């Protein structure tokens, strides 16, 4: 996530112009992709970029803390505004921070009221990037989308200028997270809040090559053409798999000895080790292969 600590592919290699156009047009939009494909890196980079450019106030907030079926709408709203307050400190100056969340009583419309109060106090329009939206269930998911839709007509002076809904799924698949018999899904559907959807792509061959070349430039250790082809064949450019294979070779097999040559056989060993370790992210990828709501993985 941080260029000073990690080798990175440009997070704005796709969709930046389209997303900036939607923000300027005061639209809501969806960004979706499987886990470990760079969504959070993209969101953080976008928020920092918007803040640096100075036209908007922008922050990221994850809604994952309320992602379990038994939570009430009121409790979820309380978690949302507290998470928003805490995360905003990463991105914003003190004068642009949201209100004290503990000054607000529990309410089914708390998120909408909190955002309205914050936007009224800001000198610039707010861009809100909501991560893990599709982790929410049932009435909490419906309520959250409905509050965002209800505030839409009052933007940008009294509600965020633009909202990104980010997660594993496109919004048409959010219904999978809400009960099919939920009576609050009907006329005035909360699922019509977005203008466009963007699926974050996997790395291209050129981007994988460029990522490996960053390691070579830093250490002198080369990923040969044969090694690259083997690694790309196993990862197909999926970001987590690409990085996991390379890290397994460099850090675990070669123990960060940059004087040793990397061979194609080491890629095979790294692949088998990842399978044996049953890495959480690998299990997640396997689980999502047949999930129609998550889009293509590769």
C-alpha atoms as a PDB file:
ATOM      1  CA  UNK A   1       0.000   0.000   0.000  1.00  0.00           C
ATOM      2  CA  UNK A   2       2.906   2.365   0.707  1.00  0.00           C
ATOM      3  CA  UNK A   3       5.418   3.011  -2.110  1.00  0.00           C
ATOM      4  CA  UNK A   4       8.249   3.485   0.374  1.00  0.00           C
ATOM      5  CA  UNK A   5       7.649  -0.031   1.754  1.00  0.00           C
ATOM      6  CA  UNK A   6       6.331  -2.041  -1.200  1.00  0.00           C
ATOM      7  CA  UNK A   7       6.823  -2.564  -4.901  1.00  0.00           C
ATOM      8  CA  UNK A   8       3.703  -1.202  -6.558  1.00  0.00           C
ATOM      9  CA  UNK A   9       1.834  -0.966  -9.822  1.00  0.00           C
ATOM     10  CA  UNK A  10       0.348   2.465 -10.530  1.00  0.00           C
ATOM     11  CA  UNK A  11      -3.018   2.410  -8.688  1.00  0.00           C
ATOM     12  CA  UNK A  12      -4.468   4.860 -11.236  1.00  0.00           C
ATOM     13  CA  UNK A  13      -3.653   2.750 -14.285  1.00  0.00           C
ATOM     14  CA  UNK A  14      -7.380   2.372 -15.067  1.00  0.00           C
ATOM     15  CA  UNK A  15     -10.606   4.324 -14.632  1.00  0.00           C
ATOM     16  CA  UNK A  16      -9.156   7.475 -13.016  1.00  0.00           C
ATOM     17  CA  UNK A  17     -10.521   9.809 -15.688  1.00  0.00           C
ATOM     18  CA  UNK A  18     -13.945   8.140 -15.571  1.00  0.00           C
ATOM     19  CA  UNK A  19     -14.077   8.312 -11.782  1.00  0.00           C
ATOM     20  CA  UNK A  20     -13.024  11.975 -11.732  1.00  0.00           C
ATOM     21  CA  UNK A  21     -15.774  12.702 -14.260  1.00  0.00           C
ATOM     22  CA  UNK A  22     -18.376  11.063 -12.012  1.00  0.00           C
ATOM     23  CA  UNK A  23     -17.137  12.939  -8.949  1.00  0.00           C
ATOM     24  CA  UNK A  24     -17.384  16.247 -10.807  1.00  0.00           C
ATOM     25  CA  UNK A  25     -20.900  15.273 -11.946  1.00  0.00           C
ATOM     26  CA  UNK A  26     -21.949  14.590  -8.316  1.00  0.00           C
ATOM     27  CA  UNK A  27     -22.630  10.898  -8.949  1.00  0.00           C
ATOM     28  CA  UNK A  28     -22.510   7.723  -6.874  1.00  0.00           C
ATOM     29  CA  UNK A  29     -20.534   4.835  -8.333  1.00  0.00           C
ATOM     30  CA  UNK A  30     -19.426   1.272  -7.528  1.00  0.00           C
ATOM     31  CA  UNK A  31     -15.912  -0.209  -7.504  1.00  0.00           C
ATOM     32  CA  UNK A  32     -15.743  -3.976  -7.137  1.00  0.00           C
ATOM     33  CA  UNK A  33     -13.111  -6.704  -7.356  1.00  0.00           C
ATOM     34  CA  UNK A  34     -12.051  -9.842  -5.440  1.00  0.00           C
ATOM     35  CA  UNK A  35     -10.025  -9.522  -2.241  1.00  0.00           C
ATOM     36  CA  UNK A  36      -6.384  -8.538  -2.478  1.00  0.00           C
ATOM     37  CA  UNK A  37      -6.666  -6.947  -5.908  1.00  0.00           C
ATOM     38  CA  UNK A  38      -5.752  -3.414  -4.850  1.00  0.00           C
ATOM     39  CA  UNK A  39      -9.115  -1.870  -3.913  1.00  0.00           C
ATOM     40  CA  UNK A  40      -7.921  -0.394  -0.619  1.00  0.00           C
ATOM     41  CA  UNK A  41      -4.680   0.857  -2.175  1.00  0.00           C
ATOM     42  CA  UNK A  42      -6.709   2.523  -4.913  1.00  0.00           C
ATOM     43  CA  UNK A  43      -9.124   4.127  -2.447  1.00  0.00           C
ATOM     44  CA  UNK A  44      -6.388   5.485  -0.184  1.00  0.00           C
ATOM     45  CA  UNK A  45      -4.456   6.825  -3.163  1.00  0.00           C
ATOM     46  CA  UNK A  46      -7.589   8.438  -4.576  1.00  0.00           C
ATOM     47  CA  UNK A  47      -8.507  10.108  -1.271  1.00  0.00           C
ATOM     48  CA  UNK A  48      -4.996  11.486  -0.806  1.00  0.00           C
ATOM     49  CA  UNK A  49      -4.922  12.711  -4.409  1.00  0.00           C
ATOM     50  CA  UNK A  50      -8.269  14.492  -4.093  1.00  0.00           C
ATOM     51  CA  UNK A  51      -7.211  16.161  -0.855  1.00  0.00           C
ATOM     52  CA  UNK A  52      -3.916  17.285  -2.353  1.00  0.00           C
ATOM     53  CA  UNK A  53      -5.629  18.762  -5.404  1.00  0.00           C
ATOM     54  CA  UNK A  54      -7.747  20.854  -3.056  1.00  0.00           C
ATOM     55  CA  UNK A  55     -11.151  20.888  -4.752  1.00  0.00           C
ATOM     56  CA  UNK A  56     -12.732  18.329  -2.436  1.00  0.00           C
ATOM     57  CA  UNK A  57     -12.485  16.896   1.047  1.00  0.00           C
ATOM     58  CA  UNK A  58     -12.111  13.117   0.664  1.00  0.00           C
ATOM     59  CA  UNK A  59     -11.873  10.180   3.026  1.00  0.00           C
ATOM     60  CA  UNK A  60     -12.174   6.396   3.080  1.00  0.00           C
ATOM     61  CA  UNK A  61     -14.302   4.472   5.573  1.00  0.00           C
ATOM     62  CA  UNK A  62     -14.744   0.708   5.918  1.00  0.00           C
ATOM     63  CA  UNK A  63     -18.170  -0.609   6.930  1.00  0.00           C
ATOM     64  CA  UNK A  64     -16.879  -4.124   7.633  1.00  0.00           C
ATOM     65  CA  UNK A  65     -17.232  -3.757  11.417  1.00  0.00           C
ATOM     66  CA  UNK A  66     -21.016  -4.101  11.015  1.00  0.00           C
ATOM     67  CA  UNK A  67     -20.786  -7.062   8.647  1.00  0.00           C
ATOM     68  CA  UNK A  68     -22.650  -9.688  10.651  1.00  0.00           C
ATOM     69  CA  UNK A  69     -26.352 -10.658  10.528  1.00  0.00           C
ATOM     70  CA  UNK A  70     -27.345 -10.065  14.157  1.00  0.00           C
ATOM     71  CA  UNK A  71     -26.473  -6.354  14.425  1.00  0.00           C
ATOM     72  CA  UNK A  72     -29.310  -3.815  14.572  1.00  0.00           C
ATOM     73  CA  UNK A  73     -29.600  -0.848  12.230  1.00  0.00           C
ATOM     74  CA  UNK A  74     -29.106   1.593  15.115  1.00  0.00           C
ATOM     75  CA  UNK A  75     -25.961  -0.162  16.368  1.00  0.00           C
ATOM     76  CA  UNK A  76     -24.566  -0.379  12.837  1.00  0.00           C
ATOM     77  CA  UNK A  77     -25.060   3.346  12.294  1.00  0.00           C
ATOM     78  CA  UNK A  78     -23.172   4.038  15.511  1.00  0.00           C
ATOM     79  CA  UNK A  79     -20.290   1.858  14.349  1.00  0.00           C
ATOM     80  CA  UNK A  80     -20.262   3.604  10.965  1.00  0.00           C
ATOM     81  CA  UNK A  81     -19.926   7.151  12.263  1.00  0.00           C
ATOM     82  CA  UNK A  82     -17.298   6.193  14.843  1.00  0.00           C
ATOM     83  CA  UNK A  83     -15.286   4.363  12.180  1.00  0.00           C
ATOM     84  CA  UNK A  84     -15.661   7.337   9.856  1.00  0.00           C
ATOM     85  CA  UNK A  85     -14.379   9.705  12.535  1.00  0.00           C
ATOM     86  CA  UNK A  86     -11.379   7.506  13.329  1.00  0.00           C
ATOM     87  CA  UNK A  87     -10.405   6.865   9.710  1.00  0.00           C
ATOM     88  CA  UNK A  88     -10.850  10.481   8.635  1.00  0.00           C
ATOM     89  CA  UNK A  89      -7.894  11.430  10.839  1.00  0.00           C
ATOM     90  CA  UNK A  90      -5.624   9.570   8.375  1.00  0.00           C
ATOM     91  CA  UNK A  91      -6.687  11.754   5.470  1.00  0.00           C
ATOM     92  CA  UNK A  92      -7.896  15.117   6.741  1.00  0.00           C
ATOM     93  CA  UNK A  93      -6.713  18.262   8.448  1.00  0.00           C
ATOM     94  CA  UNK A  94      -8.196  18.971  11.865  1.00  0.00           C
ATOM     95  CA  UNK A  95     -10.446  21.715  10.526  1.00  0.00           C
ATOM     96  CA  UNK A  96     -12.047  19.286   8.044  1.00  0.00           C
ATOM     97  CA  UNK A  97     -12.721  16.479  10.514  1.00  0.00           C
ATOM     98  CA  UNK A  98     -16.290  15.193  10.980  1.00  0.00           C
ATOM     99  CA  UNK A  99     -18.285  15.952  14.148  1.00  0.00           C
ATOM    100  CA  UNK A 100     -17.787  14.092  17.426  1.00  0.00           C
ATOM    101  CA  UNK A 101     -19.701  10.828  16.879  1.00  0.00           C
ATOM    102  CA  UNK A 102     -20.311  10.358  20.595  1.00  0.00           C
ATOM    103  CA  UNK A 103     -22.477  13.480  20.668  1.00  0.00           C
ATOM    104  CA  UNK A 104     -25.145  11.728  18.568  1.00  0.00           C
ATOM    105  CA  UNK A 105     -27.916   9.526  20.021  1.00  0.00           C
ATOM    106  CA  UNK A 106     -28.750   6.210  18.378  1.00  0.00           C
ATOM    107  CA  UNK A 107     -31.062   6.509  15.399  1.00  0.00           C
ATOM    108  CA  UNK A 108     -32.108   4.573  12.308  1.00  0.00           C
ATOM    109  CA  UNK A 109     -31.186   7.685  10.262  1.00  0.00           C
ATOM    110  CA  UNK A 110     -27.971   8.459  12.135  1.00  0.00           C
ATOM    111  CA  UNK A 111     -25.606   7.999   9.195  1.00  0.00           C
ATOM    112  CA  UNK A 112     -27.592  10.389   7.012  1.00  0.00           C
ATOM    113  CA  UNK A 113     -27.848  13.019   9.762  1.00  0.00           C
ATOM    114  CA  UNK A 114     -24.165  12.767  10.610  1.00  0.00           C
ATOM    115  CA  UNK A 115     -23.107  13.179   6.980  1.00  0.00           C
ATOM    116  CA  UNK A 116     -25.517  16.096   6.528  1.00  0.00           C
ATOM    117  CA  UNK A 117     -24.156  17.915   9.592  1.00  0.00           C
ATOM    118  CA  UNK A 118     -20.573  17.325   8.478  1.00  0.00           C
ATOM    119  CA  UNK A 119     -21.161  18.530   4.914  1.00  0.00           C
ATOM    120  CA  UNK A 120     -22.868  21.705   6.123  1.00  0.00           C
ATOM    121  CA  UNK A 121     -19.772  22.549   8.174  1.00  0.00           C
ATOM    122  CA  UNK A 122     -17.229  21.860   5.413  1.00  0.00           C
ATOM    123  CA  UNK A 123     -15.862  24.597   3.144  1.00  0.00           C
ATOM    124  CA  UNK A 124     -15.580  22.150   0.216  1.00  0.00           C
ATOM    125  CA  UNK A 125     -17.710  19.277  -1.131  1.00  0.00           C
ATOM    126  CA  UNK A 126     -17.160  15.869   0.494  1.00  0.00           C
ATOM    127  CA  UNK A 127     -16.195  12.751  -1.485  1.00  0.00           C
ATOM    128  CA  UNK A 128     -16.895   9.629   0.569  1.00  0.00           C
ATOM    129  CA  UNK A 129     -15.274   6.305  -0.361  1.00  0.00           C
ATOM    130  CA  UNK A 130     -17.097   3.503   1.479  1.00  0.00           C
ATOM    131  CA  UNK A 131     -15.238   0.187   1.560  1.00  0.00           C
ATOM    132  CA  UNK A 132     -16.689  -3.276   2.323  1.00  0.00           C
ATOM    133  CA  UNK A 133     -20.278  -2.117   1.726  1.00  0.00           C
ATOM    134  CA  UNK A 134     -21.330  -5.560   0.524  1.00  0.00           C
ATOM    135  CA  UNK A 135     -20.177  -7.083   3.826  1.00  0.00           C
ATOM    136  CA  UNK A 136     -23.435  -5.786   5.324  1.00  0.00           C
ATOM    137  CA  UNK A 137     -26.515  -7.977   5.721  1.00  0.00           C
ATOM    138  CA  UNK A 138     -30.263  -7.678   5.537  1.00  0.00           C
ATOM    139  CA  UNK A 139     -31.854  -4.590   7.096  1.00  0.00           C
ATOM    140  CA  UNK A 140     -28.482  -2.925   7.771  1.00  0.00           C
ATOM    141  CA  UNK A 141     -27.550  -3.108   4.094  1.00  0.00           C
ATOM    142  CA  UNK A 142     -30.975  -1.862   3.005  1.00  0.00           C
ATOM    143  CA  UNK A 143     -30.933   0.956   5.570  1.00  0.00           C
ATOM    144  CA  UNK A 144     -27.436   2.082   4.608  1.00  0.00           C
ATOM    145  CA  UNK A 145     -28.247   2.260   0.902  1.00  0.00           C
ATOM    146  CA  UNK A 146     -31.569   3.955   1.609  1.00  0.00           C
ATOM    147  CA  UNK A 147     -29.911   6.632   3.762  1.00  0.00           C
ATOM    148  CA  UNK A 148     -27.401   7.317   1.001  1.00  0.00           C
ATOM    149  CA  UNK A 149     -30.167   7.520  -1.588  1.00  0.00           C
ATOM    150  CA  UNK A 150     -32.299   9.773   0.636  1.00  0.00           C
ATOM    151  CA  UNK A 151     -29.454  12.250   0.990  1.00  0.00           C
ATOM    152  CA  UNK A 152     -28.661  12.238  -2.726  1.00  0.00           C
ATOM    153  CA  UNK A 153     -31.001  15.122  -3.599  1.00  0.00           C
ATOM    154  CA  UNK A 154     -29.415  17.446  -1.014  1.00  0.00           C
ATOM    155  CA  UNK A 155     -25.815  17.088  -2.212  1.00  0.00           C
ATOM    156  CA  UNK A 156     -23.278  18.698  -2.213  1.00  0.00           C
ATOM    157  CA  UNK A 157     -24.097  21.365   0.404  1.00  0.00           C
ATOM    158  CA  UNK A 158     -25.939  19.022   2.758  1.00  0.00           C
ATOM    159  CA  UNK A 159     -24.616  15.592   1.721  1.00  0.00           C
ATOM    160  CA  UNK A 160     -21.494  14.142   0.061  1.00  0.00           C
ATOM    161  CA  UNK A 161     -20.958  15.350  -3.492  1.00  0.00           C
ATOM    162  CA  UNK A 162     -20.028  11.839  -4.556  1.00  0.00           C
ATOM    163  CA  UNK A 163     -20.052   8.420  -2.872  1.00  0.00           C
ATOM    164  CA  UNK A 164     -18.172   5.302  -3.954  1.00  0.00           C
ATOM    165  CA  UNK A 165     -19.576   1.939  -2.848  1.00  0.00           C
ATOM    166  CA  UNK A 166     -16.685  -0.509  -2.789  1.00  0.00           C
ATOM    167  CA  UNK A 167     -16.590  -4.252  -2.234  1.00  0.00           C
ATOM    168  CA  UNK A 168     -16.443  -7.687  -3.806  1.00  0.00           C
ATOM    169  CA  UNK A 169     -19.710  -7.362  -5.715  1.00  0.00           C
ATOM    170  CA  UNK A 170     -21.464  -5.044  -8.113  1.00  0.00           C
ATOM    171  CA  UNK A 171     -24.516  -3.407  -6.586  1.00  0.00           C
ATOM    172  CA  UNK A 172     -26.965  -5.564  -8.552  1.00  0.00           C
ATOM    173  CA  UNK A 173     -25.599  -8.475  -6.523  1.00  0.00           C
ATOM    174  CA  UNK A 174     -26.089  -6.735  -3.167  1.00  0.00           C
ATOM    175  CA  UNK A 175     -29.513  -8.391  -3.098  1.00  0.00           C
ATOM    176  CA  UNK A 176     -27.662 -11.622  -2.345  1.00  0.00           C
ATOM    177  CA  UNK A 177     -26.759 -10.077   1.022  1.00  0.00           C
ATOM    178  CA  UNK A 178     -30.350  -9.054   1.752  1.00  0.00           C
ATOM    179  CA  UNK A 179     -33.119 -11.555   2.361  1.00  0.00           C
ATOM    180  CA  UNK A 180     -35.123 -12.211  -0.779  1.00  0.00           C
ATOM    181  CA  UNK A 181     -38.343 -11.766   1.213  1.00  0.00           C
ATOM    182  CA  UNK A 182     -37.211  -8.499   2.838  1.00  0.00           C
ATOM    183  CA  UNK A 183     -40.280  -6.215   2.703  1.00  0.00           C
ATOM    184  CA  UNK A 184     -38.092  -3.092   2.439  1.00  0.00           C
ATOM    185  CA  UNK A 185     -37.001  -4.145  -1.058  1.00  0.00           C
ATOM    186  CA  UNK A 186     -39.755  -2.822  -3.241  1.00  0.00           C
ATOM    187  CA  UNK A 187     -40.899   0.457  -4.713  1.00  0.00           C
ATOM    188  CA  UNK A 188     -38.191   3.078  -4.463  1.00  0.00           C
ATOM    189  CA  UNK A 189     -35.506   0.407  -4.394  1.00  0.00           C
ATOM    190  CA  UNK A 190     -32.313   1.421  -2.576  1.00  0.00           C
ATOM    191  CA  UNK A 191     -30.348  -0.480  -5.217  1.00  0.00           C
ATOM    192  CA  UNK A 192     -30.685   2.305  -7.817  1.00  0.00           C
ATOM    193  CA  UNK A 193     -28.163   4.667  -6.258  1.00  0.00           C
ATOM    194  CA  UNK A 194     -25.241   4.212  -8.632  1.00  0.00           C
ATOM    195  CA  UNK A 195     -24.413   5.760 -11.989  1.00  0.00           C
ATOM    196  CA  UNK A 196     -21.660   3.355 -13.092  1.00  0.00           C
ATOM    197  CA  UNK A 197     -19.688   0.323 -11.913  1.00  0.00           C
ATOM    198  CA  UNK A 198     -15.973  -0.317 -12.278  1.00  0.00           C
ATOM    199  CA  UNK A 199     -14.287  -3.697 -11.975  1.00  0.00           C
ATOM    200  CA  UNK A 200     -10.645  -3.370 -10.980  1.00  0.00           C
ATOM    201  CA  UNK A 201      -8.633  -5.518 -13.386  1.00  0.00           C
ATOM    202  CA  UNK A 202      -5.793  -7.894 -12.601  1.00  0.00           C
ATOM    203  CA  UNK A 203      -2.233  -6.976 -13.572  1.00  0.00           C
ATOM    204  CA  UNK A 204      -1.324  -7.188 -17.238  1.00  0.00           C
ATOM    205  CA  UNK A 205       1.762  -9.093 -18.349  1.00  0.00           C
ATOM    206  CA  UNK A 206       3.566  -5.783 -18.696  1.00  0.00           C
ATOM    207  CA  UNK A 207       2.602  -4.712 -15.169  1.00  0.00           C
ATOM    208  CA  UNK A 208       3.786  -8.016 -13.649  1.00  0.00           C
ATOM    209  CA  UNK A 209       7.061  -7.655 -15.524  1.00  0.00           C
ATOM    210  CA  UNK A 210       7.425  -4.066 -14.286  1.00  0.00           C
ATOM    211  CA  UNK A 211       6.690  -5.155 -10.703  1.00  0.00           C
ATOM    212  CA  UNK A 212       9.386  -7.843 -10.791  1.00  0.00           C
ATOM    213  CA  UNK A 213      11.800  -5.410 -12.417  1.00  0.00           C
ATOM    214  CA  UNK A 214      11.423  -3.102  -9.403  1.00  0.00           C
ATOM    215  CA  UNK A 215      12.902  -5.880  -7.288  1.00  0.00           C
ATOM    216  CA  UNK A 216      15.757  -6.302  -9.781  1.00  0.00           C
ATOM    217  CA  UNK A 217      16.496  -2.567  -9.760  1.00  0.00           C
ATOM    218  CA  UNK A 218      16.498  -2.545  -5.966  1.00  0.00           C
ATOM    219  CA  UNK A 219      18.564  -5.704  -5.340  1.00  0.00           C
ATOM    220  CA  UNK A 220      20.165  -6.803  -8.613  1.00  0.00           C
ATOM    221  CA  UNK A 221      18.359 -10.157  -8.397  1.00  0.00           C
ATOM    222  CA  UNK A 222      16.816 -11.071 -11.754  1.00  0.00           C
ATOM    223  CA  UNK A 223      13.499 -12.739 -12.585  1.00  0.00           C
ATOM    224  CA  UNK A 224      14.506 -14.265 -15.922  1.00  0.00           C
ATOM    225  CA  UNK A 225      12.132 -14.610 -18.871  1.00  0.00           C
ATOM    226  CA  UNK A 226      11.564 -18.289 -18.026  1.00  0.00           C
ATOM    227  CA  UNK A 227      10.846 -17.481 -14.381  1.00  0.00           C
ATOM    228  CA  UNK A 228       8.482 -14.687 -15.390  1.00  0.00           C
ATOM    229  CA  UNK A 229       6.536 -16.950 -17.754  1.00  0.00           C
ATOM    230  CA  UNK A 230       6.144 -19.643 -15.083  1.00  0.00           C
ATOM    231  CA  UNK A 231       5.074 -17.143 -12.432  1.00  0.00           C
ATOM    232  CA  UNK A 232       2.595 -15.438 -14.745  1.00  0.00           C
ATOM    233  CA  UNK A 233       1.156 -18.781 -15.829  1.00  0.00           C
ATOM    234  CA  UNK A 234       0.322 -19.602 -12.200  1.00  0.00           C
ATOM    235  CA  UNK A 235      -0.937 -16.143 -11.195  1.00  0.00           C
ATOM    236  CA  UNK A 236      -2.508 -14.843 -14.436  1.00  0.00           C
ATOM    237  CA  UNK A 237      -1.728 -11.408 -13.036  1.00  0.00           C
ATOM    238  CA  UNK A 238      -3.962 -11.789  -9.954  1.00  0.00           C
ATOM    239  CA  UNK A 239      -2.276  -9.257  -7.626  1.00  0.00           C
ATOM    240  CA  UNK A 240      -2.165 -11.293  -4.421  1.00  0.00           C
ATOM    241  CA  UNK A 241      -0.985 -14.462  -6.187  1.00  0.00           C
ATOM    242  CA  UNK A 242       1.672 -12.534  -8.085  1.00  0.00           C
ATOM    243  CA  UNK A 243       3.094 -11.007  -4.926  1.00  0.00           C
ATOM    244  CA  UNK A 244       2.692 -14.170  -2.845  1.00  0.00           C
ATOM    245  CA  UNK A 245       4.637 -16.303  -5.334  1.00  0.00           C
ATOM    246  CA  UNK A 246       7.434 -13.757  -5.664  1.00  0.00           C
ATOM    247  CA  UNK A 247       7.672 -13.306  -1.898  1.00  0.00           C
ATOM    248  CA  UNK A 248       7.706 -17.059  -1.277  1.00  0.00           C
ATOM    249  CA  UNK A 249      10.672 -17.391  -3.629  1.00  0.00           C
ATOM    250  CA  UNK A 250      12.703 -14.404  -2.443  1.00  0.00           C
ATOM    251  CA  UNK A 251      11.970 -14.336   1.280  1.00  0.00           C
ATOM    252  CA  UNK A 252      11.386 -18.004   2.131  1.00  0.00           C
ATOM    253  CA  UNK A 253      13.143 -20.175  -0.430  1.00  0.00           C
ATOM    254  CA  UNK A 254      16.174 -17.908  -0.945  1.00  0.00           C
ATOM    255  CA  UNK A 255      15.927 -16.253   2.502  1.00  0.00           C
ATOM    256  CA  UNK A 256      16.559 -12.801   0.986  1.00  0.00           C
ATOM    257  CA  UNK A 257      19.928 -13.859  -0.403  1.00  0.00           C
ATOM    258  CA  UNK A 258      19.955 -11.644  -3.474  1.00  0.00           C
ATOM    259  CA  UNK A 259      23.166 -13.184  -4.800  1.00  0.00           C
ATOM    260  CA  UNK A 260      21.403 -16.475  -5.602  1.00  0.00           C
ATOM    261  CA  UNK A 261      19.726 -17.059  -8.949  1.00  0.00           C
ATOM    262  CA  UNK A 262      15.947 -17.517  -9.188  1.00  0.00           C
ATOM    263  CA  UNK A 263      14.932 -20.569 -11.245  1.00  0.00           C
ATOM    264  CA  UNK A 264      11.686 -21.687 -12.828  1.00  0.00           C
ATOM    265  CA  UNK A 265      11.708 -24.725 -10.532  1.00  0.00           C
ATOM    266  CA  UNK A 266      11.521 -22.375  -7.538  1.00  0.00           C
ATOM    267  CA  UNK A 267       8.226 -21.005  -8.882  1.00  0.00           C
ATOM    268  CA  UNK A 268       6.854 -24.568  -8.856  1.00  0.00           C
ATOM    269  CA  UNK A 269       8.026 -25.037  -5.269  1.00  0.00           C
ATOM    270  CA  UNK A 270       6.494 -21.697  -4.238  1.00  0.00           C
ATOM    271  CA  UNK A 271       3.184 -22.657  -5.823  1.00  0.00           C
ATOM    272  CA  UNK A 272       3.062 -25.972  -3.964  1.00  0.00           C
ATOM    273  CA  UNK A 273       3.966 -24.297  -0.678  1.00  0.00           C
ATOM    274  CA  UNK A 274       1.135 -21.773  -1.011  1.00  0.00           C
ATOM    275  CA  UNK A 275      -1.301 -24.616  -1.654  1.00  0.00           C
ATOM    276  CA  UNK A 276      -0.029 -26.558   1.349  1.00  0.00           C
ATOM    277  CA  UNK A 277      -0.192 -23.507   3.627  1.00  0.00           C
ATOM    278  CA  UNK A 278      -3.877 -22.988   2.775  1.00  0.00           C
ATOM    279  CA  UNK A 279      -3.389 -19.255   2.876  1.00  0.00           C
ATOM    280  CA  UNK A 280      -6.568 -17.381   3.802  1.00  0.00           C
ATOM    281  CA  UNK A 281      -6.463 -15.308   0.641  1.00  0.00           C
ATOM    282  CA  UNK A 282      -6.014 -18.416  -1.489  1.00  0.00           C
ATOM    283  CA  UNK A 283      -9.059 -19.985   0.142  1.00  0.00           C
ATOM    284  CA  UNK A 284     -10.975 -16.774  -0.482  1.00  0.00           C
ATOM    285  CA  UNK A 285     -10.045 -16.798  -4.154  1.00  0.00           C
ATOM    286  CA  UNK A 286     -11.109 -20.428  -4.450  1.00  0.00           C
ATOM    287  CA  UNK A 287     -14.403 -19.620  -2.733  1.00  0.00           C
ATOM    288  CA  UNK A 288     -15.118 -16.769  -5.129  1.00  0.00           C
ATOM    289  CA  UNK A 289     -14.368 -18.593  -8.388  1.00  0.00           C
ATOM    290  CA  UNK A 290     -17.972 -19.805  -8.653  1.00  0.00           C
ATOM    291  CA  UNK A 291     -19.579 -16.741  -7.047  1.00  0.00           C
ATOM    292  CA  UNK A 292     -21.445 -14.960  -9.890  1.00  0.00           C
ATOM    293  CA  UNK A 293     -21.622 -11.736  -7.913  1.00  0.00           C
ATOM    294  CA  UNK A 294     -17.895 -11.175  -7.642  1.00  0.00           C
ATOM    295  CA  UNK A 295     -17.000 -10.832 -11.307  1.00  0.00           C
ATOM    296  CA  UNK A 296     -14.089 -12.544 -13.019  1.00  0.00           C
ATOM    297  CA  UNK A 297     -11.065 -13.283 -10.876  1.00  0.00           C
ATOM    298  CA  UNK A 298      -8.530 -13.427 -13.709  1.00  0.00           C
END
